[in-house]
Amino acid sequence: MDEYIGLIIAAAIGALPGVLALIVQSKKRNAEIDCAEAEAAESYASVAKSYAAEVISLRKEINELRKELFETKKQVRDQDREIQDLRDWAERLVHQVQSLGSVPVEMRKVKRLRNEC
């Protein structure tokens, strides 16, 4: 029986470098995987930062366009009011001219191009 114990010890000592090599190789592979994951995370973070910068830029542009739209709507409202004032004034003038026994001149419309806004 002592012979078997000696053989088992000899086999264990012989296998020890292989087991140690497997442990070292496993740790090395785990370290490589961790490194690859860290590089991937860094790459994703870089892409996320560039998207965030683009989103911020687009938000600024949207805010500027909103301000411009607000101002344009305000101008349109003001012009609509002025047009209504002019129509009211023209109607009163027509009535005044007719009440004096005259015929008012016809209104000329400006010719507009089809593609004109």
N, C-alpha and C. Protein backbone atom coordinates (compact mmCIF):
# COMPACT_ATOMS: atom_id res chain seq x y z
N MET A 1 0.80 -1.16 0.00
CA MET A 1 0.00 0.00 0.00
C MET A 1 0.86 1.26 0.00
N ASP A 2 1.98 1.21 0.64
CA ASP A 2 2.90 2.34 0.64
C ASP A 2 3.35 2.67 -0.78
N GLU A 3 3.42 1.65 -1.62
CA GLU A 3 3.82 1.89 -3.01
C GLU A 3 2.80 2.75 -3.73
N TYR A 4 1.51 2.46 -3.44
CA TYR A 4 0.44 3.22 -4.12
C TYR A 4 0.43 4.68 -3.66
N ILE A 5 0.68 4.87 -2.41
CA ILE A 5 0.72 6.23 -1.88
C ILE A 5 1.86 6.99 -2.52
N GLY A 6 2.98 6.35 -2.67
CA GLY A 6 4.14 6.97 -3.32
C GLY A 6 3.82 7.30 -4.77
N LEU A 7 3.14 6.37 -5.47
CA LEU A 7 2.76 6.62 -6.87
C LEU A 7 1.75 7.78 -6.97
N ILE A 8 0.82 7.80 -6.04
CA ILE A 8 -0.18 8.86 -6.05
C ILE A 8 0.48 10.21 -5.81
N ILE A 9 1.40 10.24 -4.85
CA ILE A 9 2.12 11.48 -4.56
C ILE A 9 2.96 11.89 -5.75
N ALA A 10 3.63 10.92 -6.38
CA ALA A 10 4.46 11.22 -7.56
C ALA A 10 3.57 11.74 -8.70
N ALA A 11 2.39 11.12 -8.90
CA ALA A 11 1.48 11.55 -9.96
C ALA A 11 0.95 12.96 -9.66
N ALA A 12 0.65 13.22 -8.39
CA ALA A 12 0.13 14.53 -8.01
C ALA A 12 1.20 15.60 -8.23
N ILE A 13 2.46 15.24 -7.86
CA ILE A 13 3.56 16.21 -8.05
C ILE A 13 3.79 16.42 -9.54
N GLY A 14 3.68 15.37 -10.34
CA GLY A 14 3.85 15.48 -11.79
C GLY A 14 2.73 16.30 -12.44
N ALA A 15 1.52 16.19 -11.91
CA ALA A 15 0.38 16.91 -12.47
C ALA A 15 0.33 18.35 -12.00
N LEU A 16 1.03 18.65 -10.91
CA LEU A 16 0.98 19.99 -10.32
C LEU A 16 1.37 21.09 -11.31
N PRO A 17 2.45 20.97 -12.08
CA PRO A 17 2.78 22.04 -13.04
C PRO A 17 1.66 22.25 -14.07
N GLY A 18 1.05 21.16 -14.50
CA GLY A 18 -0.05 21.29 -15.46
C GLY A 18 -1.25 22.00 -14.86
N VAL A 19 -1.58 21.64 -13.60
CA VAL A 19 -2.70 22.28 -12.92
C VAL A 19 -2.39 23.77 -12.71
N LEU A 20 -1.17 24.06 -12.29
CA LEU A 20 -0.77 25.46 -12.10
C LEU A 20 -0.82 26.22 -13.42
N ALA A 21 -0.38 25.57 -14.50
CA ALA A 21 -0.43 26.21 -15.82
C ALA A 21 -1.88 26.51 -16.23
N LEU A 22 -2.79 25.58 -15.94
CA LEU A 22 -4.21 25.80 -16.25
C LEU A 22 -4.77 26.97 -15.45
N ILE A 23 -4.39 27.06 -14.19
CA ILE A 23 -4.86 28.15 -13.34
C ILE A 23 -4.33 29.49 -13.87
N VAL A 24 -3.04 29.53 -14.21
CA VAL A 24 -2.43 30.76 -14.73
C VAL A 24 -3.09 31.14 -16.06
N GLN A 25 -3.29 30.15 -16.93
CA GLN A 25 -3.90 30.40 -18.23
C GLN A 25 -5.34 30.90 -18.06
N SER A 26 -6.07 30.34 -17.11
CA SER A 26 -7.45 30.77 -16.85
C SER A 26 -7.47 32.21 -16.36
N LYS A 27 -6.54 32.54 -15.45
CA LYS A 27 -6.48 33.91 -14.94
C LYS A 27 -6.09 34.88 -16.05
N LYS A 28 -5.16 34.46 -16.90
CA LYS A 28 -4.73 35.31 -18.02
C LYS A 28 -5.91 35.55 -18.97
N ARG A 29 -6.67 34.48 -19.28
CA ARG A 29 -7.82 34.61 -20.17
C ARG A 29 -8.88 35.52 -19.54
N ASN A 30 -9.11 35.37 -18.24
CA ASN A 30 -10.07 36.23 -17.56
C ASN A 30 -9.62 37.70 -17.61
N ALA A 31 -8.32 37.93 -17.44
CA ALA A 31 -7.78 39.29 -17.51
C ALA A 31 -7.94 39.86 -18.92
N GLU A 32 -7.72 39.03 -19.94
CA GLU A 32 -7.89 39.49 -21.33
C GLU A 32 -9.37 39.84 -21.61
N ILE A 33 -10.26 39.01 -21.08
CA ILE A 33 -11.69 39.27 -21.25
C ILE A 33 -12.07 40.57 -20.55
N ASP A 34 -11.56 40.76 -19.33
CA ASP A 34 -11.84 42.00 -18.60
C ASP A 34 -11.32 43.21 -19.36
N CYS A 35 -10.12 43.07 -19.94
CA CYS A 35 -9.53 44.16 -20.70
C CYS A 35 -10.38 44.46 -21.94
N ALA A 36 -10.82 43.42 -22.63
CA ALA A 36 -11.66 43.61 -23.83
C ALA A 36 -12.99 44.26 -23.45
N GLU A 37 -13.56 43.85 -22.34
CA GLU A 37 -14.81 44.46 -21.88
C GLU A 37 -14.61 45.92 -21.53
N ALA A 38 -13.48 46.24 -20.91
CA ALA A 38 -13.20 47.63 -20.54
C ALA A 38 -13.01 48.48 -21.81
N GLU A 39 -12.32 47.94 -22.82
CA GLU A 39 -12.14 48.67 -24.07
C GLU A 39 -13.49 48.89 -24.76
N ALA A 40 -14.34 47.86 -24.75
CA ALA A 40 -15.66 47.99 -25.37
C ALA A 40 -16.49 49.03 -24.62
N ALA A 41 -16.42 49.01 -23.29
CA ALA A 41 -17.17 49.99 -22.49
C ALA A 41 -16.67 51.40 -22.78
N GLU A 42 -15.37 51.55 -22.91
CA GLU A 42 -14.79 52.86 -23.23
C GLU A 42 -15.25 53.33 -24.61
N SER A 43 -15.29 52.41 -25.55
CA SER A 43 -15.76 52.74 -26.90
C SER A 43 -17.23 53.16 -26.88
N TYR A 44 -18.05 52.41 -26.16
CA TYR A 44 -19.47 52.75 -26.04
C TYR A 44 -19.65 54.11 -25.36
N ALA A 45 -18.83 54.37 -24.35
CA ALA A 45 -18.90 55.66 -23.64
C ALA A 45 -18.54 56.80 -24.59
N SER A 46 -17.56 56.59 -25.43
CA SER A 46 -17.16 57.62 -26.39
C SER A 46 -18.28 57.89 -27.38
N VAL A 47 -18.91 56.83 -27.86
CA VAL A 47 -20.03 57.00 -28.80
C VAL A 47 -21.19 57.71 -28.09
N ALA A 48 -21.46 57.33 -26.86
CA ALA A 48 -22.54 57.97 -26.10
C ALA A 48 -22.26 59.45 -25.90
N LYS A 49 -21.00 59.81 -25.62
CA LYS A 49 -20.64 61.22 -25.45
C LYS A 49 -20.86 61.99 -26.73
N SER A 50 -20.49 61.40 -27.87
CA SER A 50 -20.68 62.10 -29.14
C SER A 50 -22.16 62.27 -29.45
N TYR A 51 -22.98 61.25 -29.14
CA TYR A 51 -24.43 61.37 -29.33
C TYR A 51 -25.00 62.43 -28.40
N ALA A 52 -24.52 62.47 -27.18
CA ALA A 52 -25.01 63.46 -26.23
C ALA A 52 -24.67 64.87 -26.72
N ALA A 53 -23.47 65.06 -27.25
CA ALA A 53 -23.09 66.37 -27.78
C ALA A 53 -23.99 66.75 -28.96
N GLU A 54 -24.29 65.77 -29.80
CA GLU A 54 -25.17 66.04 -30.94
C GLU A 54 -26.58 66.38 -30.47
N VAL A 55 -27.06 65.68 -29.46
CA VAL A 55 -28.40 65.95 -28.92
C VAL A 55 -28.45 67.37 -28.35
N ILE A 56 -27.42 67.76 -27.63
CA ILE A 56 -27.36 69.11 -27.07
C ILE A 56 -27.38 70.14 -28.19
N SER A 57 -26.60 69.90 -29.24
CA SER A 57 -26.57 70.81 -30.38
C SER A 57 -27.94 70.90 -31.05
N LEU A 58 -28.60 69.75 -31.21
CA LEU A 58 -29.93 69.74 -31.83
C LEU A 58 -30.96 70.44 -30.96
N ARG A 59 -30.84 70.28 -29.65
CA ARG A 59 -31.76 70.98 -28.73
C ARG A 59 -31.61 72.49 -28.87
N LYS A 60 -30.36 72.96 -28.97
CA LYS A 60 -30.12 74.39 -29.15
C LYS A 60 -30.75 74.87 -30.45
N GLU A 61 -30.55 74.10 -31.50
CA GLU A 61 -31.12 74.46 -32.80
C GLU A 61 -32.65 74.47 -32.75
N ILE A 62 -33.23 73.47 -32.09
CA ILE A 62 -34.69 73.40 -31.94
C ILE A 62 -35.19 74.62 -31.18
N ASN A 63 -34.50 74.99 -30.11
CA ASN A 63 -34.92 76.16 -29.32
C ASN A 63 -34.85 77.43 -30.16
N GLU A 64 -33.79 77.56 -30.97
CA GLU A 64 -33.68 78.72 -31.85
C GLU A 64 -34.81 78.73 -32.88
N LEU A 65 -35.13 77.57 -33.43
CA LEU A 65 -36.21 77.49 -34.40
C LEU A 65 -37.56 77.78 -33.75
N ARG A 66 -37.74 77.36 -32.50
CA ARG A 66 -38.98 77.68 -31.79
C ARG A 66 -39.13 79.19 -31.60
N LYS A 67 -38.03 79.84 -31.23
CA LYS A 67 -38.06 81.29 -31.07
C LYS A 67 -38.40 81.96 -32.40
N GLU A 68 -37.76 81.49 -33.46
CA GLU A 68 -38.01 82.04 -34.79
C GLU A 68 -39.47 81.81 -35.20
N LEU A 69 -39.99 80.63 -34.93
CA LEU A 69 -41.39 80.33 -35.24
C LEU A 69 -42.33 81.23 -34.45
N PHE A 70 -42.03 81.44 -33.18
CA PHE A 70 -42.84 82.32 -32.34
C PHE A 70 -42.87 83.73 -32.93
N GLU A 71 -41.69 84.23 -33.32
CA GLU A 71 -41.61 85.57 -33.90
C GLU A 71 -42.35 85.64 -35.22
N THR A 72 -42.25 84.61 -36.03
CA THR A 72 -42.95 84.57 -37.32
C THR A 72 -44.45 84.56 -37.12
N LYS A 73 -44.92 83.75 -36.17
CA LYS A 73 -46.36 83.73 -35.87
C LYS A 73 -46.83 85.10 -35.39
N LYS A 74 -46.01 85.75 -34.58
CA LYS A 74 -46.36 87.08 -34.08
C LYS A 74 -46.46 88.06 -35.25
N GLN A 75 -45.52 87.99 -36.17
CA GLN A 75 -45.55 88.86 -37.35
C GLN A 75 -46.81 88.60 -38.18
N VAL A 76 -47.15 87.33 -38.36
CA VAL A 76 -48.33 86.98 -39.14
C VAL A 76 -49.58 87.53 -38.47
N ARG A 77 -49.68 87.38 -37.16
CA ARG A 77 -50.84 87.93 -36.42
C ARG A 77 -50.92 89.45 -36.59
N ASP A 78 -49.76 90.12 -36.47
CA ASP A 78 -49.74 91.57 -36.63
C ASP A 78 -50.15 91.97 -38.04
N GLN A 79 -49.65 91.23 -39.04
CA GLN A 79 -50.02 91.53 -40.43
C GLN A 79 -51.50 91.26 -40.68
N ASP A 80 -52.02 90.17 -40.10
CA ASP A 80 -53.45 89.87 -40.24
C ASP A 80 -54.29 91.00 -39.65
N ARG A 81 -53.88 91.52 -38.50
CA ARG A 81 -54.60 92.64 -37.87
C ARG A 81 -54.54 93.89 -38.77
N GLU A 82 -53.36 94.15 -39.30
CA GLU A 82 -53.20 95.31 -40.18
C GLU A 82 -54.06 95.16 -41.44
N ILE A 83 -54.08 93.96 -42.00
CA ILE A 83 -54.91 93.71 -43.19
C ILE A 83 -56.38 93.94 -42.85
N GLN A 84 -56.82 93.46 -41.71
CA GLN A 84 -58.21 93.67 -41.31
C GLN A 84 -58.50 95.15 -41.11
N ASP A 85 -57.56 95.86 -40.50
CA ASP A 85 -57.73 97.32 -40.32
C ASP A 85 -57.86 98.00 -41.68
N LEU A 86 -57.02 97.62 -42.63
CA LEU A 86 -57.07 98.21 -43.97
C LEU A 86 -58.38 97.87 -44.69
N ARG A 87 -58.86 96.65 -44.53
CA ARG A 87 -60.14 96.27 -45.14
C ARG A 87 -61.28 97.09 -44.55
N ASP A 88 -61.28 97.23 -43.23
CA ASP A 88 -62.32 98.03 -42.58
C ASP A 88 -62.27 99.47 -43.07
N TRP A 89 -61.07 100.03 -43.15
CA TRP A 89 -60.89 101.40 -43.64
C TRP A 89 -61.37 101.53 -45.08
N ALA A 90 -61.01 100.54 -45.93
CA ALA A 90 -61.43 100.57 -47.34
C ALA A 90 -62.95 100.50 -47.45
N GLU A 91 -63.58 99.68 -46.64
CA GLU A 91 -65.05 99.59 -46.66
C GLU A 91 -65.68 100.93 -46.28
N ARG A 92 -65.11 101.58 -45.29
CA ARG A 92 -65.63 102.89 -44.87
C ARG A 92 -65.43 103.92 -45.98
N LEU A 93 -64.27 103.86 -46.64
CA LEU A 93 -64.02 104.79 -47.75
C LEU A 93 -65.02 104.56 -48.89
N VAL A 94 -65.27 103.28 -49.21
CA VAL A 94 -66.23 102.96 -50.26
C VAL A 94 -67.59 103.52 -49.89
N HIS A 95 -68.00 103.32 -48.67
CA HIS A 95 -69.28 103.83 -48.21
C HIS A 95 -69.32 105.37 -48.30
N GLN A 96 -68.22 106.00 -47.90
CA GLN A 96 -68.14 107.46 -47.93
C GLN A 96 -68.24 107.97 -49.36
N VAL A 97 -67.51 107.34 -50.29
CA VAL A 97 -67.52 107.75 -51.70
C VAL A 97 -68.92 107.56 -52.27
N GLN A 98 -69.55 106.42 -51.97
CA GLN A 98 -70.90 106.14 -52.47
C GLN A 98 -71.91 107.13 -51.88
N SER A 99 -71.74 107.48 -50.62
CA SER A 99 -72.68 108.42 -49.99
C SER A 99 -72.56 109.81 -50.60
N LEU A 100 -71.43 110.12 -51.23
CA LEU A 100 -71.24 111.40 -51.89
C LEU A 100 -71.70 111.36 -53.35
N GLY A 101 -72.26 110.19 -53.77
CA GLY A 101 -72.81 110.04 -55.10
C GLY A 101 -71.80 109.62 -56.15
N SER A 102 -70.65 109.18 -55.75
CA SER A 102 -69.62 108.74 -56.71
C SER A 102 -69.46 107.23 -56.66
N VAL A 103 -68.72 106.73 -57.66
CA VAL A 103 -68.44 105.29 -57.72
C VAL A 103 -66.96 105.11 -57.37
N PRO A 104 -66.67 104.29 -56.38
CA PRO A 104 -65.25 104.09 -56.01
C PRO A 104 -64.51 103.29 -57.08
N VAL A 105 -63.21 103.49 -57.15
CA VAL A 105 -62.39 102.74 -58.11
C VAL A 105 -62.32 101.28 -57.66
N GLU A 106 -62.14 100.41 -58.64
CA GLU A 106 -62.02 98.98 -58.30
C GLU A 106 -60.66 98.70 -57.68
N MET A 107 -60.66 97.71 -56.83
CA MET A 107 -59.40 97.30 -56.21
C MET A 107 -58.62 96.43 -57.19
N ARG A 108 -57.35 96.74 -57.35
CA ARG A 108 -56.49 95.91 -58.21
C ARG A 108 -55.79 94.88 -57.34
N LYS A 109 -55.81 93.65 -57.81
CA LYS A 109 -55.09 92.59 -57.10
C LYS A 109 -53.73 92.41 -57.74
N VAL A 110 -52.75 92.19 -56.91
CA VAL A 110 -51.39 91.95 -57.38
C VAL A 110 -51.33 90.55 -57.96
N LYS A 111 -50.76 90.44 -59.17
CA LYS A 111 -50.63 89.10 -59.75
C LYS A 111 -49.53 88.36 -59.02
N ARG A 112 -49.85 87.16 -58.61
CA ARG A 112 -48.88 86.35 -57.87
C ARG A 112 -48.46 85.15 -58.72
N LEU A 113 -47.21 84.80 -58.57
CA LEU A 113 -46.72 83.60 -59.23
C LEU A 113 -47.28 82.38 -58.52
N ARG A 114 -47.42 81.29 -59.23
CA ARG A 114 -47.99 80.08 -58.63
C ARG A 114 -47.12 79.54 -57.49
N ASN A 115 -45.81 79.64 -57.61
CA ASN A 115 -44.91 79.07 -56.60
C ASN A 115 -44.62 80.04 -55.47
N GLU A 116 -45.15 81.25 -55.56
CA GLU A 116 -44.89 82.27 -54.55
C GLU A 116 -45.69 81.96 -53.29
N CYS A 117 -45.06 82.19 -52.15
CA CYS A 117 -45.75 81.94 -50.87
C CYS A 117 -46.76 83.00 -50.59
